[in-house]
Amino acid sequence: MIGVFRQKNPGNAFVLLIYALILKFPIFLHSAAPLRQEDDNYLYRLLLNTLRPVFGERGYFYALLAFLLLYLQASLLNRIANNVKLLPKPNYLFGMSFLLVSSLLPEWNQFSSTLLVNFCLIWIWYGMVKWYNNSRAMGAIFNTCLLVGLLPLLYTPSIGFVVMVVLGIFITRPLRIGEFVVALIGFLAPFYFLMVVMYLTDNWKPEELLPSIQFHLPRLPASLWTTGGMLLLVVPFLVGGYFVQDNLNKMLIQVRKIWSLLLVIMLVGLLVILVNPGENYQHWMLSVIPISCFHAAAYYYPDRKMFPLILHWLLFAFVVAANYLSFAL
């Protein structure tokens, strides 16, 4: 599989779809309900309330929707990573890695607010990439921050990604106060327009939009499957981080900044884990995008091809066992 996905072949898009079906097929074994969490915010609850009269509380529609979102995210991440030349040669390792990583914990395959936030994060990362050397940076920053402002309206703890915006401006731009002001306006704009709509529709409840922030220590793994999933999340990430660092001098400055932005997203994702942690590991999914990119580096860079092969099939076997057994039990 590594040899297939290392190549930029148009037919690999179909192979990636088959690969996704193998990993994600347990989604369709039961008519799963969309995940409802205490930290879901106004827009996600509104979406579920809109879908409920048509598709019901649960059913295969939500499983199909979750699968399409996951496959679309894998394809989108792969296309963007190749477009910005994150690795020396274009490939499909990013999409493969995303599908593997997002399957390490079975609950990540449910339709949820975090799945929608994760989809938005891919576009936000791409928007931040375009801030560097942009002659019209104000517009790019506003558009990106507008999308960042939607995140806490879907999932409350994702308000932590405000920190990502601040760090992203420091990494990609010279220090200009005006750009921070524009970023703040862009972030607050979704709240403003939604409050206007609520007022005009006689549904004025602004307290529903304001996030309630509490910090807690992350939950300890509740099972060996969860522990194994987290271990296989971290080890390839460290291996990929080593190879990225080892090849940093060969990269263009822009590519180095892109890797730095991925690290920022991951660090802020870890910060989000401390915000309203809830009773599951859904919020851990918000670090999947940068971790998947470092996993792809772990498959791409090693000279000895046996190591990435063993690493891939180890993760693949674990994912198949964890996902299929979770539905069999």
C-alpha atoms as a PDB file:
ATOM      1  CA  MET A   1       0.000   0.000   0.000  1.00  0.00           C
ATOM      2  CA  ILE A   2       2.812   2.423   0.814  1.00  0.00           C
ATOM      3  CA  GLY A   3       4.264   1.916  -2.673  1.00  0.00           C
ATOM      4  CA  VAL A   4       0.875   2.607  -4.271  1.00  0.00           C
ATOM      5  CA  PHE A   5       0.128   5.751  -2.276  1.00  0.00           C
ATOM      6  CA  ARG A   6       3.657   7.143  -2.663  1.00  0.00           C
ATOM      7  CA  GLN A   7       2.832   7.815  -6.319  1.00  0.00           C
ATOM      8  CA  LYS A   8       0.660  10.645  -7.676  1.00  0.00           C
ATOM      9  CA  ASN A   9      -1.513   8.489  -9.903  1.00  0.00           C
ATOM     10  CA  PRO A  10      -5.045   9.672 -10.828  1.00  0.00           C
ATOM     11  CA  GLY A  11      -6.302   6.139 -10.216  1.00  0.00           C
ATOM     12  CA  ASN A  12      -5.174   6.393  -6.610  1.00  0.00           C
ATOM     13  CA  ALA A  13      -8.244   8.498  -5.816  1.00  0.00           C
ATOM     14  CA  PHE A  14     -10.346   5.380  -6.439  1.00  0.00           C
ATOM     15  CA  VAL A  15      -7.895   3.211  -4.479  1.00  0.00           C
ATOM     16  CA  LEU A  16      -8.192   5.692  -1.603  1.00  0.00           C
ATOM     17  CA  LEU A  17     -11.985   5.298  -1.731  1.00  0.00           C
ATOM     18  CA  ILE A  18     -11.680   1.488  -1.503  1.00  0.00           C
ATOM     19  CA  TYR A  19      -9.177   1.910   1.330  1.00  0.00           C
ATOM     20  CA  ALA A  20     -11.662   4.192   3.135  1.00  0.00           C
ATOM     21  CA  LEU A  21     -14.499   1.687   2.677  1.00  0.00           C
ATOM     22  CA  ILE A  22     -12.404  -1.094   4.229  1.00  0.00           C
ATOM     23  CA  LEU A  23     -11.469   1.019   7.252  1.00  0.00           C
ATOM     24  CA  LYS A  24     -14.811   2.769   7.723  1.00  0.00           C
ATOM     25  CA  PHE A  25     -17.247  -0.020   6.783  1.00  0.00           C
ATOM     26  CA  PRO A  26     -18.190  -0.694  10.451  1.00  0.00           C
ATOM     27  CA  ILE A  27     -19.968   2.684  10.365  1.00  0.00           C
ATOM     28  CA  PHE A  28     -22.661   1.047   8.216  1.00  0.00           C
ATOM     29  CA  LEU A  29     -23.076  -2.090  10.347  1.00  0.00           C
ATOM     30  CA  HIS A  30     -25.465  -0.266  12.659  1.00  0.00           C
ATOM     31  CA  SER A  31     -27.755   2.686  12.115  1.00  0.00           C
ATOM     32  CA  ALA A  32     -25.744   5.021  14.302  1.00  0.00           C
ATOM     33  CA  ALA A  33     -27.236   8.210  15.670  1.00  0.00           C
ATOM     34  CA  PRO A  34     -25.442  11.545  15.301  1.00  0.00           C
ATOM     35  CA  LEU A  35     -23.408  12.257  18.386  1.00  0.00           C
ATOM     36  CA  ARG A  36     -24.888  14.773  20.806  1.00  0.00           C
ATOM     37  CA  GLN A  37     -22.561  16.296  23.389  1.00  0.00           C
ATOM     38  CA  GLU A  38     -22.970  18.801  26.167  1.00  0.00           C
ATOM     39  CA  ASP A  39     -20.487  21.115  24.419  1.00  0.00           C
ATOM     40  CA  ASP A  40     -22.360  21.193  21.103  1.00  0.00           C
ATOM     41  CA  ASN A  41     -23.322  24.766  20.317  1.00  0.00           C
ATOM     42  CA  TYR A  42     -26.149  26.546  18.530  1.00  0.00           C
ATOM     43  CA  LEU A  43     -25.314  25.838  14.863  1.00  0.00           C
ATOM     44  CA  TYR A  44     -24.775  22.091  15.327  1.00  0.00           C
ATOM     45  CA  ARG A  45     -27.984  21.710  17.350  1.00  0.00           C
ATOM     46  CA  LEU A  46     -29.805  23.715  14.671  1.00  0.00           C
ATOM     47  CA  LEU A  47     -28.426  21.391  11.971  1.00  0.00           C
ATOM     48  CA  LEU A  48     -29.595  18.263  13.829  1.00  0.00           C
ATOM     49  CA  ASN A  49     -33.020  19.771  14.475  1.00  0.00           C
ATOM     50  CA  THR A  50     -33.293  20.557  10.748  1.00  0.00           C
ATOM     51  CA  LEU A  51     -32.316  17.025   9.693  1.00  0.00           C
ATOM     52  CA  ARG A  52     -34.440  15.212  12.296  1.00  0.00           C
ATOM     53  CA  PRO A  53     -37.890  15.646  10.629  1.00  0.00           C
ATOM     54  CA  VAL A  54     -36.532  14.275   7.338  1.00  0.00           C
ATOM     55  CA  PHE A  55     -34.073  11.563   8.417  1.00  0.00           C
ATOM     56  CA  GLY A  56     -35.136  10.813  11.998  1.00  0.00           C
ATOM     57  CA  GLU A  57     -33.072  10.556  15.164  1.00  0.00           C
ATOM     58  CA  ARG A  58     -30.801   7.829  13.770  1.00  0.00           C
ATOM     59  CA  GLY A  59     -30.290   5.894  10.580  1.00  0.00           C
ATOM     60  CA  TYR A  60     -27.923   5.050   7.757  1.00  0.00           C
ATOM     61  CA  PHE A  61     -28.095   8.596   6.419  1.00  0.00           C
ATOM     62  CA  TYR A  62     -25.928   9.802   9.310  1.00  0.00           C
ATOM     63  CA  ALA A  63     -23.482   6.932   8.752  1.00  0.00           C
ATOM     64  CA  LEU A  64     -23.237   7.840   5.060  1.00  0.00           C
ATOM     65  CA  LEU A  65     -22.833  11.516   5.930  1.00  0.00           C
ATOM     66  CA  ALA A  66     -20.005  10.726   8.368  1.00  0.00           C
ATOM     67  CA  PHE A  67     -18.259   8.517   5.785  1.00  0.00           C
ATOM     68  CA  LEU A  68     -18.526  11.145   3.048  1.00  0.00           C
ATOM     69  CA  LEU A  69     -17.165  13.832   5.370  1.00  0.00           C
ATOM     70  CA  LEU A  70     -14.210  11.654   6.373  1.00  0.00           C
ATOM     71  CA  TYR A  71     -13.374  10.684   2.786  1.00  0.00           C
ATOM     72  CA  LEU A  72     -13.795  14.284   1.622  1.00  0.00           C
ATOM     73  CA  GLN A  73     -11.476  15.482   4.386  1.00  0.00           C
ATOM     74  CA  ALA A  74      -8.853  12.896   3.421  1.00  0.00           C
ATOM     75  CA  SER A  75      -9.031  13.902  -0.259  1.00  0.00           C
ATOM     76  CA  LEU A  76      -9.015  17.615   0.538  1.00  0.00           C
ATOM     77  CA  LEU A  77      -6.080  17.352   2.934  1.00  0.00           C
ATOM     78  CA  ASN A  78      -4.147  15.322   0.360  1.00  0.00           C
ATOM     79  CA  ARG A  79      -4.811  17.831  -2.412  1.00  0.00           C
ATOM     80  CA  ILE A  80      -3.861  20.863  -0.301  1.00  0.00           C
ATOM     81  CA  ALA A  81      -0.711  19.218   1.103  1.00  0.00           C
ATOM     82  CA  ASN A  82       0.451  18.395  -2.425  1.00  0.00           C
ATOM     83  CA  ASN A  83      -0.473  21.872  -3.658  1.00  0.00           C
ATOM     84  CA  VAL A  84       1.717  23.564  -1.021  1.00  0.00           C
ATOM     85  CA  LYS A  85       4.517  20.975  -1.622  1.00  0.00           C
ATOM     86  CA  LEU A  86       4.603  19.776   1.971  1.00  0.00           C
ATOM     87  CA  LEU A  87       6.690  16.790   0.812  1.00  0.00           C
ATOM     88  CA  PRO A  88       9.203  16.878  -2.083  1.00  0.00           C
ATOM     89  CA  LYS A  89       7.027  14.799  -4.430  1.00  0.00           C
ATOM     90  CA  PRO A  90       3.214  14.680  -4.745  1.00  0.00           C
ATOM     91  CA  ASN A  91       1.604  11.539  -3.341  1.00  0.00           C
ATOM     92  CA  TYR A  92      -1.486  10.134  -1.648  1.00  0.00           C
ATOM     93  CA  LEU A  93       0.160   9.419   1.712  1.00  0.00           C
ATOM     94  CA  PHE A  94      -1.625  12.341   3.384  1.00  0.00           C
ATOM     95  CA  GLY A  95      -5.069  10.973   2.535  1.00  0.00           C
ATOM     96  CA  MET A  96      -4.064   7.445   3.542  1.00  0.00           C
ATOM     97  CA  SER A  97      -2.646   8.685   6.852  1.00  0.00           C
ATOM     98  CA  PHE A  98      -5.758  10.726   7.629  1.00  0.00           C
ATOM     99  CA  LEU A  99      -8.022   7.714   7.093  1.00  0.00           C
ATOM    100  CA  LEU A 100      -5.794   5.574   9.322  1.00  0.00           C
ATOM    101  CA  VAL A 101      -5.415   8.133  12.098  1.00  0.00           C
ATOM    102  CA  SER A 102      -9.120   9.039  12.133  1.00  0.00           C
ATOM    103  CA  SER A 103      -9.929   5.339  12.609  1.00  0.00           C
ATOM    104  CA  LEU A 104      -7.709   4.745  15.648  1.00  0.00           C
ATOM    105  CA  LEU A 105     -10.632   5.561  17.969  1.00  0.00           C
ATOM    106  CA  PRO A 106     -13.977   4.185  16.666  1.00  0.00           C
ATOM    107  CA  GLU A 107     -15.993   7.107  18.097  1.00  0.00           C
ATOM    108  CA  TRP A 108     -14.214   9.456  15.672  1.00  0.00           C
ATOM    109  CA  ASN A 109     -16.249   7.854  12.870  1.00  0.00           C
ATOM    110  CA  GLN A 110     -19.572   9.201  14.161  1.00  0.00           C
ATOM    111  CA  PHE A 111     -21.276  12.235  12.715  1.00  0.00           C
ATOM    112  CA  SER A 112     -20.533  14.933  15.286  1.00  0.00           C
ATOM    113  CA  SER A 113     -19.772  18.605  15.793  1.00  0.00           C
ATOM    114  CA  THR A 114     -16.051  17.803  16.060  1.00  0.00           C
ATOM    115  CA  LEU A 115     -16.168  16.128  12.645  1.00  0.00           C
ATOM    116  CA  LEU A 116     -17.565  19.343  11.156  1.00  0.00           C
ATOM    117  CA  VAL A 117     -14.992  21.459  13.017  1.00  0.00           C
ATOM    118  CA  ASN A 118     -12.228  19.216  11.702  1.00  0.00           C
ATOM    119  CA  PHE A 119     -13.465  19.775   8.142  1.00  0.00           C
ATOM    120  CA  CYS A 120     -13.364  23.544   8.691  1.00  0.00           C
ATOM    121  CA  LEU A 121      -9.845  23.298  10.145  1.00  0.00           C
ATOM    122  CA  ILE A 122      -8.478  22.002   6.839  1.00  0.00           C
ATOM    123  CA  TRP A 123      -9.738  25.129   5.059  1.00  0.00           C
ATOM    124  CA  ILE A 124      -8.512  27.338   7.891  1.00  0.00           C
ATOM    125  CA  TRP A 125      -5.021  25.825   7.651  1.00  0.00           C
ATOM    126  CA  TYR A 126      -5.008  26.416   3.886  1.00  0.00           C
ATOM    127  CA  GLY A 127      -6.184  29.985   4.450  1.00  0.00           C
ATOM    128  CA  MET A 128      -3.368  30.604   6.945  1.00  0.00           C
ATOM    129  CA  VAL A 129      -0.843  29.206   4.459  1.00  0.00           C
ATOM    130  CA  LYS A 130      -1.859  31.936   1.994  1.00  0.00           C
ATOM    131  CA  TRP A 131      -1.138  34.710   4.507  1.00  0.00           C
ATOM    132  CA  TYR A 132       2.603  34.437   3.810  1.00  0.00           C
ATOM    133  CA  ASN A 133       3.883  36.969   1.242  1.00  0.00           C
ATOM    134  CA  ASN A 134       0.316  38.033   0.434  1.00  0.00           C
ATOM    135  CA  SER A 135      -0.060  41.580  -0.876  1.00  0.00           C
ATOM    136  CA  ARG A 136      -3.735  41.519   0.181  1.00  0.00           C
ATOM    137  CA  ALA A 137      -3.251  39.931   3.565  1.00  0.00           C
ATOM    138  CA  MET A 138      -6.067  41.880   5.258  1.00  0.00           C
ATOM    139  CA  GLY A 139      -8.741  40.213   3.128  1.00  0.00           C
ATOM    140  CA  ALA A 140      -7.183  36.757   3.497  1.00  0.00           C
ATOM    141  CA  ILE A 141      -6.939  37.130   7.289  1.00  0.00           C
ATOM    142  CA  PHE A 142     -10.548  38.351   7.555  1.00  0.00           C
ATOM    143  CA  ASN A 143     -11.907  35.460   5.456  1.00  0.00           C
ATOM    144  CA  THR A 144      -9.962  32.865   7.431  1.00  0.00           C
ATOM    145  CA  CYS A 145     -10.939  34.328  10.810  1.00  0.00           C
ATOM    146  CA  LEU A 146     -14.570  34.431   9.691  1.00  0.00           C
ATOM    147  CA  LEU A 147     -14.386  30.643   9.402  1.00  0.00           C
ATOM    148  CA  VAL A 148     -12.570  30.387  12.749  1.00  0.00           C
ATOM    149  CA  GLY A 149     -15.469  32.318  14.294  1.00  0.00           C
ATOM    150  CA  LEU A 150     -17.873  29.583  13.175  1.00  0.00           C
ATOM    151  CA  LEU A 151     -16.002  26.860  15.087  1.00  0.00           C
ATOM    152  CA  PRO A 152     -17.200  27.703  18.633  1.00  0.00           C
ATOM    153  CA  LEU A 153     -20.746  28.045  17.255  1.00  0.00           C
ATOM    154  CA  LEU A 154     -20.483  24.363  16.307  1.00  0.00           C
ATOM    155  CA  TYR A 155     -18.436  23.041  19.234  1.00  0.00           C
ATOM    156  CA  THR A 156     -17.799  25.270  22.255  1.00  0.00           C
ATOM    157  CA  PRO A 157     -14.229  24.191  23.254  1.00  0.00           C
ATOM    158  CA  SER A 158     -12.951  25.086  19.779  1.00  0.00           C
ATOM    159  CA  ILE A 159     -12.886  28.721  20.896  1.00  0.00           C
ATOM    160  CA  GLY A 160      -9.293  27.827  21.831  1.00  0.00           C
ATOM    161  CA  PHE A 161      -8.398  28.134  18.140  1.00  0.00           C
ATOM    162  CA  VAL A 162      -8.310  31.903  18.632  1.00  0.00           C
ATOM    163  CA  VAL A 163      -4.792  31.225  19.961  1.00  0.00           C
ATOM    164  CA  MET A 164      -3.994  29.498  16.649  1.00  0.00           C
ATOM    165  CA  VAL A 165      -4.911  32.655  14.724  1.00  0.00           C
ATOM    166  CA  VAL A 166      -2.657  34.849  16.874  1.00  0.00           C
ATOM    167  CA  LEU A 167       0.303  32.464  16.554  1.00  0.00           C
ATOM    168  CA  GLY A 168      -0.385  32.030  12.831  1.00  0.00           C
ATOM    169  CA  ILE A 169      -0.119  35.785  12.244  1.00  0.00           C
ATOM    170  CA  PHE A 170       3.166  35.901  14.174  1.00  0.00           C
ATOM    171  CA  ILE A 171       4.579  33.046  12.056  1.00  0.00           C
ATOM    172  CA  THR A 172       3.478  34.205   8.618  1.00  0.00           C
ATOM    173  CA  ARG A 173       3.311  37.998   8.837  1.00  0.00           C
ATOM    174  CA  PRO A 174       5.425  40.966   9.991  1.00  0.00           C
ATOM    175  CA  LEU A 175       4.011  42.572  13.126  1.00  0.00           C
ATOM    176  CA  ARG A 176       1.130  44.898  12.172  1.00  0.00           C
ATOM    177  CA  ILE A 177      -1.532  45.807  14.728  1.00  0.00           C
ATOM    178  CA  GLY A 178      -4.089  46.378  11.972  1.00  0.00           C
ATOM    179  CA  GLU A 179      -3.988  42.712  10.992  1.00  0.00           C
ATOM    180  CA  PHE A 180      -4.804  41.620  14.546  1.00  0.00           C
ATOM    181  CA  VAL A 181      -7.751  44.041  14.581  1.00  0.00           C
ATOM    182  CA  VAL A 182      -9.028  42.628  11.276  1.00  0.00           C
ATOM    183  CA  ALA A 183      -8.628  39.095  12.665  1.00  0.00           C
ATOM    184  CA  LEU A 184     -10.707  40.033  15.728  1.00  0.00           C
ATOM    185  CA  ILE A 185     -13.447  41.576  13.567  1.00  0.00           C
ATOM    186  CA  GLY A 186     -13.518  38.470  11.362  1.00  0.00           C
ATOM    187  CA  PHE A 187     -13.760  36.181  14.394  1.00  0.00           C
ATOM    188  CA  LEU A 188     -16.627  38.159  15.980  1.00  0.00           C
ATOM    189  CA  ALA A 189     -18.595  38.605  12.725  1.00  0.00           C
ATOM    190  CA  PRO A 190     -20.419  35.200  12.856  1.00  0.00           C
ATOM    191  CA  PHE A 191     -21.547  35.921  16.430  1.00  0.00           C
ATOM    192  CA  TYR A 192     -22.798  39.365  15.385  1.00  0.00           C
ATOM    193  CA  PHE A 193     -24.777  38.169  12.359  1.00  0.00           C
ATOM    194  CA  LEU A 194     -26.251  35.205  14.229  1.00  0.00           C
ATOM    195  CA  MET A 195     -27.386  37.481  17.064  1.00  0.00           C
ATOM    196  CA  VAL A 196     -29.016  39.786  14.498  1.00  0.00           C
ATOM    197  CA  VAL A 197     -30.904  36.819  13.020  1.00  0.00           C
ATOM    198  CA  MET A 198     -31.969  35.657  16.498  1.00  0.00           C
ATOM    199  CA  TYR A 199     -33.234  39.154  17.322  1.00  0.00           C
ATOM    200  CA  LEU A 200     -35.166  39.569  14.060  1.00  0.00           C
ATOM    201  CA  THR A 201     -36.798  36.134  14.452  1.00  0.00           C
ATOM    202  CA  ASP A 202     -37.856  36.901  18.042  1.00  0.00           C
ATOM    203  CA  ASN A 203     -35.527  34.191  19.359  1.00  0.00           C
ATOM    204  CA  TRP A 204     -33.208  36.432  21.373  1.00  0.00           C
ATOM    205  CA  LYS A 205     -31.128  34.075  23.521  1.00  0.00           C
ATOM    206  CA  PRO A 206     -27.530  35.332  23.287  1.00  0.00           C
ATOM    207  CA  GLU A 207     -26.511  33.286  26.332  1.00  0.00           C
ATOM    208  CA  GLU A 208     -26.835  30.172  24.153  1.00  0.00           C
ATOM    209  CA  LEU A 209     -24.011  31.415  21.919  1.00  0.00           C
ATOM    210  CA  LEU A 210     -21.524  32.432  24.597  1.00  0.00           C
ATOM    211  CA  PRO A 211     -19.111  29.570  25.347  1.00  0.00           C
ATOM    212  CA  SER A 212     -18.711  28.380  28.919  1.00  0.00           C
ATOM    213  CA  ILE A 213     -15.017  27.671  29.500  1.00  0.00           C
ATOM    214  CA  GLN A 214     -13.748  25.290  32.166  1.00  0.00           C
ATOM    215  CA  PHE A 215     -10.322  23.684  32.344  1.00  0.00           C
ATOM    216  CA  HIS A 216      -9.854  20.069  33.421  1.00  0.00           C
ATOM    217  CA  LEU A 217      -7.136  17.470  33.201  1.00  0.00           C
ATOM    218  CA  PRO A 218      -7.648  15.109  30.239  1.00  0.00           C
ATOM    219  CA  ARG A 219      -9.375  11.803  30.905  1.00  0.00           C
ATOM    220  CA  LEU A 220      -7.196   8.749  31.286  1.00  0.00           C
ATOM    221  CA  PRO A 221      -7.749   5.951  28.731  1.00  0.00           C
ATOM    222  CA  ALA A 222     -10.628   3.741  29.822  1.00  0.00           C
ATOM    223  CA  SER A 223      -9.586   0.606  27.911  1.00  0.00           C
ATOM    224  CA  LEU A 224      -6.604  -1.113  26.321  1.00  0.00           C
ATOM    225  CA  TRP A 225      -8.018  -0.327  22.861  1.00  0.00           C
ATOM    226  CA  THR A 226      -8.015   3.387  23.652  1.00  0.00           C
ATOM    227  CA  THR A 227      -4.496   3.172  25.093  1.00  0.00           C
ATOM    228  CA  GLY A 228      -3.276   1.329  21.993  1.00  0.00           C
ATOM    229  CA  GLY A 229      -4.936   3.867  19.703  1.00  0.00           C
ATOM    230  CA  MET A 230      -3.259   6.774  21.469  1.00  0.00           C
ATOM    231  CA  LEU A 231       0.103   5.014  21.406  1.00  0.00           C
ATOM    232  CA  LEU A 232      -0.170   4.436  17.654  1.00  0.00           C
ATOM    233  CA  LEU A 233      -1.199   8.071  17.316  1.00  0.00           C
ATOM    234  CA  VAL A 234       1.955   9.332  19.021  1.00  0.00           C
ATOM    235  CA  VAL A 235       4.749   6.984  17.869  1.00  0.00           C
ATOM    236  CA  PRO A 236       4.460   7.593  14.076  1.00  0.00           C
ATOM    237  CA  PHE A 237       4.022  11.310  14.825  1.00  0.00           C
ATOM    238  CA  LEU A 238       7.369  11.361  16.656  1.00  0.00           C
ATOM    239  CA  VAL A 239       9.016   9.406  13.830  1.00  0.00           C
ATOM    240  CA  GLY A 240       7.592  11.803  11.231  1.00  0.00           C
ATOM    241  CA  GLY A 241       8.655  14.788  13.341  1.00  0.00           C
ATOM    242  CA  TYR A 242      12.213  13.462  13.413  1.00  0.00           C
ATOM    243  CA  PHE A 243      12.356  13.104   9.622  1.00  0.00           C
ATOM    244  CA  VAL A 244      10.791  16.534   9.048  1.00  0.00           C
ATOM    245  CA  GLN A 245      13.369  18.104  11.364  1.00  0.00           C
ATOM    246  CA  ASP A 246      16.159  16.169   9.646  1.00  0.00           C
ATOM    247  CA  ASN A 247      15.100  17.493   6.220  1.00  0.00           C
ATOM    248  CA  LEU A 248      14.227  21.027   7.333  1.00  0.00           C
ATOM    249  CA  ASN A 249      17.343  22.578   5.759  1.00  0.00           C
ATOM    250  CA  LYS A 250      16.332  21.224   2.341  1.00  0.00           C
ATOM    251  CA  MET A 251      12.925  22.915   2.458  1.00  0.00           C
ATOM    252  CA  LEU A 252      11.911  26.341   1.207  1.00  0.00           C
ATOM    253  CA  ILE A 253      11.149  28.944   3.879  1.00  0.00           C
ATOM    254  CA  GLN A 254       7.459  28.857   2.976  1.00  0.00           C
ATOM    255  CA  VAL A 255       7.305  25.070   3.465  1.00  0.00           C
ATOM    256  CA  ARG A 256       9.010  25.403   6.859  1.00  0.00           C
ATOM    257  CA  LYS A 257       6.364  27.914   7.893  1.00  0.00           C
ATOM    258  CA  ILE A 258       3.630  25.523   6.751  1.00  0.00           C
ATOM    259  CA  TRP A 259       5.037  22.779   8.982  1.00  0.00           C
ATOM    260  CA  SER A 260       5.174  25.336  11.803  1.00  0.00           C
ATOM    261  CA  LEU A 261       1.492  26.134  11.246  1.00  0.00           C
ATOM    262  CA  LEU A 262       0.680  22.432  11.509  1.00  0.00           C
ATOM    263  CA  LEU A 263       2.497  22.296  14.840  1.00  0.00           C
ATOM    264  CA  VAL A 264       0.509  25.320  16.022  1.00  0.00           C
ATOM    265  CA  ILE A 265      -2.778  23.612  15.092  1.00  0.00           C
ATOM    266  CA  MET A 266      -1.700  20.491  16.957  1.00  0.00           C
ATOM    267  CA  LEU A 267      -0.623  22.406  20.077  1.00  0.00           C
ATOM    268  CA  VAL A 268      -3.885  24.364  20.153  1.00  0.00           C
ATOM    269  CA  GLY A 269      -5.743  21.087  19.611  1.00  0.00           C
ATOM    270  CA  LEU A 270      -4.006  19.754  22.722  1.00  0.00           C
ATOM    271  CA  LEU A 271      -5.087  22.921  24.551  1.00  0.00           C
ATOM    272  CA  VAL A 272      -8.692  22.270  23.507  1.00  0.00           C
ATOM    273  CA  ILE A 273      -8.436  18.857  25.187  1.00  0.00           C
ATOM    274  CA  LEU A 274      -8.185  20.704  28.506  1.00  0.00           C
ATOM    275  CA  VAL A 275     -11.323  22.767  27.802  1.00  0.00           C
ATOM    276  CA  ASN A 276     -14.594  21.089  28.834  1.00  0.00           C
ATOM    277  CA  PRO A 277     -13.246  17.554  28.235  1.00  0.00           C
ATOM    278  CA  GLY A 278     -16.643  15.832  28.510  1.00  0.00           C
ATOM    279  CA  GLU A 279     -17.052  12.067  28.730  1.00  0.00           C
ATOM    280  CA  ASN A 280     -15.414  10.910  25.496  1.00  0.00           C
ATOM    281  CA  TYR A 281     -12.406  11.507  23.256  1.00  0.00           C
ATOM    282  CA  GLN A 282     -14.131  13.504  20.512  1.00  0.00           C
ATOM    283  CA  HIS A 283     -12.133  16.650  21.216  1.00  0.00           C
ATOM    284  CA  TRP A 284      -8.892  14.699  20.614  1.00  0.00           C
ATOM    285  CA  MET A 285      -9.917  14.536  16.958  1.00  0.00           C
ATOM    286  CA  LEU A 286      -9.105  18.220  16.513  1.00  0.00           C
ATOM    287  CA  SER A 287      -5.396  17.318  16.350  1.00  0.00           C
ATOM    288  CA  VAL A 288      -5.857  14.672  13.643  1.00  0.00           C
ATOM    289  CA  ILE A 289      -4.969  16.936  10.675  1.00  0.00           C
ATOM    290  CA  PRO A 290      -1.409  17.884  11.742  1.00  0.00           C
ATOM    291  CA  ILE A 291      -0.748  14.427  13.184  1.00  0.00           C
ATOM    292  CA  SER A 292      -1.785  12.843   9.857  1.00  0.00           C
ATOM    293  CA  CYS A 293       0.701  15.049   7.982  1.00  0.00           C
ATOM    294  CA  PHE A 294       3.533  13.958  10.265  1.00  0.00           C
ATOM    295  CA  HIS A 295       2.436  10.329   9.841  1.00  0.00           C
ATOM    296  CA  ALA A 296       2.711  10.841   6.071  1.00  0.00           C
ATOM    297  CA  ALA A 297       6.285  12.082   6.560  1.00  0.00           C
ATOM    298  CA  ALA A 298       7.053   8.922   8.556  1.00  0.00           C
ATOM    299  CA  TYR A 299       5.947   6.829   5.552  1.00  0.00           C
ATOM    300  CA  TYR A 300       7.687   9.006   2.947  1.00  0.00           C
ATOM    301  CA  TYR A 301      11.187   9.786   4.210  1.00  0.00           C
ATOM    302  CA  PRO A 302      12.781   6.527   5.507  1.00  0.00           C
ATOM    303  CA  ASP A 303      15.373   5.048   3.133  1.00  0.00           C
ATOM    304  CA  ARG A 304      14.667   1.547   4.361  1.00  0.00           C
ATOM    305  CA  LYS A 305      11.252   0.785   2.945  1.00  0.00           C
ATOM    306  CA  MET A 306      10.600  -2.100   5.340  1.00  0.00           C
ATOM    307  CA  PHE A 307      10.062   0.256   8.304  1.00  0.00           C
ATOM    308  CA  PRO A 308       7.132   2.241   6.815  1.00  0.00           C
ATOM    309  CA  LEU A 309       5.605  -1.015   5.557  1.00  0.00           C
ATOM    310  CA  ILE A 310       5.674  -2.563   9.033  1.00  0.00           C
ATOM    311  CA  LEU A 311       4.386   0.655  10.589  1.00  0.00           C
ATOM    312  CA  HIS A 312       1.506   0.911   8.115  1.00  0.00           C
ATOM    313  CA  TRP A 313       0.342  -2.682   8.455  1.00  0.00           C
ATOM    314  CA  LEU A 314       0.609  -2.481  12.244  1.00  0.00           C
ATOM    315  CA  LEU A 315      -1.727   0.520  12.264  1.00  0.00           C
ATOM    316  CA  PHE A 316      -3.988  -1.065   9.646  1.00  0.00           C
ATOM    317  CA  ALA A 317      -4.333  -4.303  11.641  1.00  0.00           C
ATOM    318  CA  PHE A 318      -5.054  -2.391  14.854  1.00  0.00           C
ATOM    319  CA  VAL A 319      -7.669  -0.180  13.167  1.00  0.00           C
ATOM    320  CA  VAL A 320      -9.475  -3.148  11.603  1.00  0.00           C
ATOM    321  CA  ALA A 321      -9.465  -5.053  14.907  1.00  0.00           C
ATOM    322  CA  ALA A 322     -10.561  -2.067  17.007  1.00  0.00           C
ATOM    323  CA  ASN A 323     -13.354  -0.955  14.679  1.00  0.00           C
ATOM    324  CA  TYR A 324     -14.803  -4.321  13.695  1.00  0.00           C
ATOM    325  CA  LEU A 325     -14.587  -5.810  17.194  1.00  0.00           C
ATOM    326  CA  SER A 326     -16.242  -2.746  18.727  1.00  0.00           C
ATOM    327  CA  PHE A 327     -19.361  -3.538  16.666  1.00  0.00           C
ATOM    328  CA  ALA A 328     -19.111  -7.299  17.182  1.00  0.00           C
ATOM    329  CA  LEU A 329     -19.079  -7.044  20.996  1.00  0.00           C
END
